[in-house]
PDB file of N, CA and C in Angstrom:
ATOM      1  N   UNK A   1     162.971  84.463  -1.428  1.00  0.00           N
ATOM      2  CA  UNK A   1     162.573  85.007  -0.132  1.00  0.00           C
ATOM      3  C   UNK A   1     161.563  84.058   0.513  1.00  0.00           C
ATOM      4  N   UNK A   2     161.815  83.775   1.767  1.00  0.00           N
ATOM      5  CA  UNK A   2     160.933  82.864   2.481  1.00  0.00           C
ATOM      6  C   UNK A   2     159.628  83.552   2.865  1.00  0.00           C
ATOM      7  N   UNK A   3     158.569  82.779   2.884  1.00  0.00           N
ATOM      8  CA  UNK A   3     157.291  83.304   3.366  1.00  0.00           C
ATOM      9  C   UNK A   3     157.325  83.332   4.887  1.00  0.00           C
ATOM     10  N   UNK A   4     156.397  84.058   5.458  1.00  0.00           N
ATOM     11  CA  UNK A   4     156.308  84.119   6.918  1.00  0.00           C
ATOM     12  C   UNK A   4     156.130  82.726   7.502  1.00  0.00           C
ATOM     13  N   UNK A   5     155.322  81.922   6.852  1.00  0.00           N
ATOM     14  CA  UNK A   5     155.087  80.561   7.338  1.00  0.00           C
ATOM     15  C   UNK A   5     156.385  79.748   7.318  1.00  0.00           C
ATOM     16  N   UNK A   6     157.152  79.869   6.251  1.00  0.00           N
ATOM     17  CA  UNK A   6     158.411  79.148   6.154  1.00  0.00           C
ATOM     18  C   UNK A   6     159.394  79.599   7.231  1.00  0.00           C
ATOM     19  N   UNK A   7     159.450  80.907   7.465  1.00  0.00           N
ATOM     20  CA  UNK A   7     160.337  81.436   8.503  1.00  0.00           C
ATOM     21  C   UNK A   7     159.917  80.938   9.885  1.00  0.00           C
ATOM     22  N   UNK A   8     158.615  80.897  10.140  1.00  0.00           N
ATOM     23  CA  UNK A   8     158.113  80.433  11.430  1.00  0.00           C
ATOM     24  C   UNK A   8     158.438  78.956  11.625  1.00  0.00           C
ATOM     25  N   UNK A   9     158.222  78.147  10.600  1.00  0.00           N
ATOM     26  CA  UNK A   9     158.511  76.720  10.684  1.00  0.00           C
ATOM     27  C   UNK A   9     159.995  76.501  10.942  1.00  0.00           C
ATOM     28  N   UNK A  10     160.819  77.261  10.265  1.00  0.00           N
ATOM     29  CA  UNK A  10     162.277  77.148  10.433  1.00  0.00           C
ATOM     30  C   UNK A  10     162.670  77.485  11.875  1.00  0.00           C
ATOM     31  N   UNK A  11     162.117  78.560  12.414  1.00  0.00           N
ATOM     32  CA  UNK A  11     162.429  78.963  13.783  1.00  0.00           C
ATOM     33  C   UNK A  11     161.940  77.935  14.790  1.00  0.00           C
ATOM     34  N   UNK A  12     160.727  77.430  14.584  1.00  0.00           N
ATOM     35  CA  UNK A  12     160.166  76.445  15.512  1.00  0.00           C
ATOM     36  C   UNK A  12     160.941  75.137  15.459  1.00  0.00           C
ATOM     37  N   UNK A  13     161.390  74.759  14.284  1.00  0.00           N
ATOM     38  CA  UNK A  13     162.111  73.482  14.154  1.00  0.00           C
ATOM     39  C   UNK A  13     163.437  73.490  14.906  1.00  0.00           C
ATOM     40  N   UNK A  14     163.964  74.666  15.227  1.00  0.00           N
ATOM     41  CA  UNK A  14     165.214  74.768  15.975  1.00  0.00           C
ATOM     42  C   UNK A  14     165.007  74.622  17.478  1.00  0.00           C
ATOM     43  N   UNK A  15     163.762  74.687  17.909  1.00  0.00           N
ATOM     44  CA  UNK A  15     163.468  74.551  19.329  1.00  0.00           C
ATOM     45  C   UNK A  15     163.618  73.099  19.772  1.00  0.00           C
ATOM     46  N   UNK A  16     163.922  72.883  21.042  1.00  0.00           N
ATOM     47  CA  UNK A  16     164.010  71.503  21.548  1.00  0.00           C
ATOM     48  C   UNK A  16     162.626  70.855  21.575  1.00  0.00           C
ATOM     49  N   UNK A  17     162.617  69.550  21.575  1.00  0.00           N
ATOM     50  CA  UNK A  17     161.341  68.811  21.610  1.00  0.00           C
ATOM     51  C   UNK A  17     160.523  69.151  22.849  1.00  0.00           C
ATOM     52  N   UNK A  18     161.189  69.595  23.894  1.00  0.00           N
ATOM     53  CA  UNK A  18     160.492  69.910  25.145  1.00  0.00           C
ATOM     54  C   UNK A  18     159.938  71.341  25.163  1.00  0.00           C
ATOM     55  N   UNK A  19     160.001  72.040  24.037  1.00  0.00           N
ATOM     56  CA  UNK A  19     159.532  73.424  23.978  1.00  0.00           C
ATOM     57  C   UNK A  19     158.049  73.512  24.334  1.00  0.00           C
ATOM     58  N   UNK A  20     157.724  74.562  25.060  1.00  0.00           N
ATOM     59  CA  UNK A  20     156.329  74.766  25.456  1.00  0.00           C
ATOM     60  C   UNK A  20     155.602  75.578  24.382  1.00  0.00           C
ATOM     61  N   UNK A  21     154.297  75.669  24.540  1.00  0.00           N
ATOM     62  CA  UNK A  21     153.504  76.482  23.632  1.00  0.00           C
ATOM     63  C   UNK A  21     153.965  77.934  23.724  1.00  0.00           C
ATOM     64  N   UNK A  22     154.302  78.381  24.925  1.00  0.00           N
ATOM     65  CA  UNK A  22     154.795  79.746  25.095  1.00  0.00           C
ATOM     66  C   UNK A  22     156.104  79.956  24.330  1.00  0.00           C
ATOM     67  N   UNK A  23     156.990  78.968  24.347  1.00  0.00           N
ATOM     68  CA  UNK A  23     158.247  79.061  23.595  1.00  0.00           C
ATOM     69  C   UNK A  23     157.965  79.201  22.096  1.00  0.00           C
ATOM     70  N   UNK A  24     157.044  78.404  21.615  1.00  0.00           N
ATOM     71  CA  UNK A  24     156.685  78.430  20.193  1.00  0.00           C
ATOM     72  C   UNK A  24     156.057  79.772  19.830  1.00  0.00           C
ATOM     73  N   UNK A  25     155.158  80.251  20.671  1.00  0.00           N
ATOM     74  CA  UNK A  25     154.511  81.534  20.409  1.00  0.00           C
ATOM     75  C   UNK A  25     155.536  82.668  20.400  1.00  0.00           C
ATOM     76  N   UNK A  26     156.512  82.611  21.303  1.00  0.00           N
ATOM     77  CA  UNK A  26     157.547  83.635  21.355  1.00  0.00           C
ATOM     78  C   UNK A  26     158.374  83.624  20.074  1.00  0.00           C
ATOM     79  N   UNK A  27     158.737  82.459  19.579  1.00  0.00           N
ATOM     80  CA  UNK A  27     159.511  82.362  18.342  1.00  0.00           C
ATOM     81  C   UNK A  27     158.744  82.957  17.168  1.00  0.00           C
ATOM     82  N   UNK A  28     157.456  82.661  17.091  1.00  0.00           N
ATOM     83  CA  UNK A  28     156.627  83.209  16.021  1.00  0.00           C
ATOM     84  C   UNK A  28     156.539  84.733  16.158  1.00  0.00           C
ATOM     85  N   UNK A  29     156.415  85.211  17.388  1.00  0.00           N
ATOM     86  CA  UNK A  29     156.367  86.657  17.651  1.00  0.00           C
ATOM     87  C   UNK A  29     157.650  87.330  17.165  1.00  0.00           C
ATOM     88  N   UNK A  30     158.802  86.744  17.492  1.00  0.00           N
ATOM     89  CA  UNK A  30     160.083  87.318  17.090  1.00  0.00           C
ATOM     90  C   UNK A  30     160.211  87.331  15.566  1.00  0.00           C
ATOM     91  N   UNK A  31     159.851  86.232  14.914  1.00  0.00           N
ATOM     92  CA  UNK A  31     159.913  86.160  13.453  1.00  0.00           C
ATOM     93  C   UNK A  31     159.057  87.272  12.849  1.00  0.00           C
ATOM     94  N   UNK A  32     157.856  87.463  13.380  1.00  0.00           N
ATOM     95  CA  UNK A  32     156.952  88.501  12.873  1.00  0.00           C
ATOM     96  C   UNK A  32     157.542  89.893  13.058  1.00  0.00           C
ATOM     97  N   UNK A  33     158.087  90.177  14.238  1.00  0.00           N
ATOM     98  CA  UNK A  33     158.639  91.503  14.510  1.00  0.00           C
ATOM     99  C   UNK A  33     159.849  91.791  13.635  1.00  0.00           C
ATOM    100  N   UNK A  34     160.709  90.804  13.424  1.00  0.00           N
ATOM    101  CA  UNK A  34     161.874  90.995  12.561  1.00  0.00           C
ATOM    102  C   UNK A  34     161.422  91.260  11.131  1.00  0.00           C
ATOM    103  N   UNK A  35     160.452  90.488  10.667  1.00  0.00           N
ATOM    104  CA  UNK A  35     159.943  90.677   9.301  1.00  0.00           C
ATOM    105  C   UNK A  35     159.334  92.079   9.137  1.00  0.00           C
ATOM    106  N   UNK A  36     158.547  92.514  10.108  1.00  0.00           N
ATOM    107  CA  UNK A  36     157.938  93.844  10.041  1.00  0.00           C
ATOM    108  C   UNK A  36     159.003  94.934  10.106  1.00  0.00           C
ATOM    109  N   UNK A  37     160.041  94.716  10.899  1.00  0.00           N
ATOM    110  CA  UNK A  37     161.128  95.679  10.988  1.00  0.00           C
ATOM    111  C   UNK A  37     161.869  95.822   9.670  1.00  0.00           C
ATOM    112  N   UNK A  38     162.133  94.701   9.027  1.00  0.00           N
ATOM    113  CA  UNK A  38     162.807  94.731   7.730  1.00  0.00           C
ATOM    114  C   UNK A  38     161.959  95.458   6.690  1.00  0.00           C
ATOM    115  N   UNK A  39     160.651  95.212   6.718  1.00  0.00           N
ATOM    116  CA  UNK A  39     159.752  95.888   5.785  1.00  0.00           C
ATOM    117  C   UNK A  39     159.733  97.395   6.047  1.00  0.00           C
ATOM    118  N   UNK A  40     159.745  97.777   7.315  1.00  0.00           N
ATOM    119  CA  UNK A  40     159.740  99.203   7.659  1.00  0.00           C
ATOM    120  C   UNK A  40     161.008  99.883   7.153  1.00  0.00           C
ATOM    121  N   UNK A  41     162.134  99.211   7.277  1.00  0.00           N
ATOM    122  CA  UNK A  41     163.395  99.777   6.792  1.00  0.00           C
ATOM    123  C   UNK A  41     163.340  99.941   5.278  1.00  0.00           C
ATOM    124  N   UNK A  42     162.817  98.940   4.581  1.00  0.00           N
ATOM    125  CA  UNK A  42     162.716  99.030   3.120  1.00  0.00           C
ATOM    126  C   UNK A  42     161.853 100.203   2.687  1.00  0.00           C
ATOM    127  N   UNK A  43     160.827 100.521   3.481  1.00  0.00           N
ATOM    128  CA  UNK A  43     159.907 101.604   3.140  1.00  0.00           C
ATOM    129  C   UNK A  43     160.335 102.931   3.774  1.00  0.00           C
ATOM    130  N   UNK A  44     161.545 102.972   4.297  1.00  0.00           N
ATOM    131  CA  UNK A  44     162.051 104.169   4.980  1.00  0.00           C
ATOM    132  C   UNK A  44     161.109 104.630   6.084  1.00  0.00           C
ATOM    133  N   UNK A  45     160.529 103.683   6.783  1.00  0.00           N
ATOM    134  CA  UNK A  45     159.588 103.982   7.862  1.00  0.00           C
ATOM    135  C   UNK A  45     160.181 103.533   9.199  1.00  0.00           C
ATOM    136  N   UNK A  46     161.476 103.772   9.354  1.00  0.00           N
ATOM    137  CA  UNK A  46     162.154 103.374  10.581  1.00  0.00           C
ATOM    138  C   UNK A  46     162.800 104.606  11.212  1.00  0.00           C
ATOM    139  N   UNK A  47     163.012 104.536  12.499  1.00  0.00           N
ATOM    140  CA  UNK A  47     163.644 105.624  13.224  1.00  0.00           C
ATOM    141  C   UNK A  47     165.152 105.410  13.187  1.00  0.00           C
ATOM    142  N   UNK A  48     165.891 106.447  12.845  1.00  0.00           N
ATOM    143  CA  UNK A  48     167.352 106.323  12.818  1.00  0.00           C
ATOM    144  C   UNK A  48     167.890 106.257  14.241  1.00  0.00           C
ATOM    145  N   UNK A  49     169.097 105.760  14.378  1.00  0.00           N
ATOM    146  CA  UNK A  49     169.734 105.671  15.689  1.00  0.00           C
ATOM    147  C   UNK A  49     169.887 107.074  16.281  1.00  0.00           C
ATOM    148  N   UNK A  50     170.256 108.029  15.459  1.00  0.00           N
ATOM    149  CA  UNK A  50     170.432 109.397  15.935  1.00  0.00           C
ATOM    150  C   UNK A  50     169.115 109.976  16.457  1.00  0.00           C
ATOM    151  N   UNK A  51     168.036 109.755  15.712  1.00  0.00           N
ATOM    152  CA  UNK A  51     166.724 110.237  16.154  1.00  0.00           C
ATOM    153  C   UNK A  51     166.302 109.565  17.458  1.00  0.00           C
ATOM    154  N   UNK A  52     166.584 108.295  17.565  1.00  0.00           N
ATOM    155  CA  UNK A  52     166.231 107.562  18.779  1.00  0.00           C
ATOM    156  C   UNK A  52     167.016 108.085  19.974  1.00  0.00           C
ATOM    157  N   UNK A  53     168.297 108.363  19.780  1.00  0.00           N
ATOM    158  CA  UNK A  53     169.108 108.911  20.872  1.00  0.00           C
ATOM    159  C   UNK A  53     168.568 110.266  21.322  1.00  0.00           C
ATOM    160  N   UNK A  54     168.198 111.112  20.352  1.00  0.00           N
ATOM    161  CA  UNK A  54     167.635 112.423  20.691  1.00  0.00           C
ATOM    162  C   UNK A  54     166.323 112.258  21.466  1.00  0.00           C
ATOM    163  N   UNK A  55     165.508 111.343  21.039  1.00  0.00           N
ATOM    164  CA  UNK A  55     164.233 111.116  21.702  1.00  0.00           C
ATOM    165  C   UNK A  55     164.449 110.597  23.135  1.00  0.00           C
ATOM    166  N   UNK A  56     165.409 109.713  23.286  1.00  0.00           N
ATOM    167  CA  UNK A  56     165.681 109.147  24.612  1.00  0.00           C
ATOM    168  C   UNK A  56     166.182 110.201  25.595  1.00  0.00           C
ATOM    169  N   UNK A  57     166.855 111.219  25.104  1.00  0.00           N
ATOM    170  CA  UNK A  57     167.352 112.280  25.986  1.00  0.00           C
ATOM    171  C   UNK A  57     166.219 113.076  26.593  1.00  0.00           C
ATOM    172  N   UNK A  58     165.046 113.056  25.993  1.00  0.00           N
ATOM    173  CA  UNK A  58     163.908 113.789  26.541  1.00  0.00           C
ATOM    174  C   UNK A  58     163.157 112.988  27.602  1.00  0.00           C
ATOM    175  N   UNK A  59     163.525 111.757  27.799  1.00  0.00           N
ATOM    176  CA  UNK A  59     162.826 110.908  28.767  1.00  0.00           C
ATOM    177  C   UNK A  59     163.160 111.338  30.145  1.00  0.00           C
TER     178      UNK A  59
END
């Protein structure tokens, strides 16, 4: 399993040489959110699609 740092480096290395600091920060943000989402699913701390649909109907 890759560390967060390894995942971030991998994502950043795919960016073009002309990438801005904002582009790099966005990639790191996405890597972090995906990692946290995967951890939440492993800990059964995620909202099911059905629950989300029910919640959205109350909006």
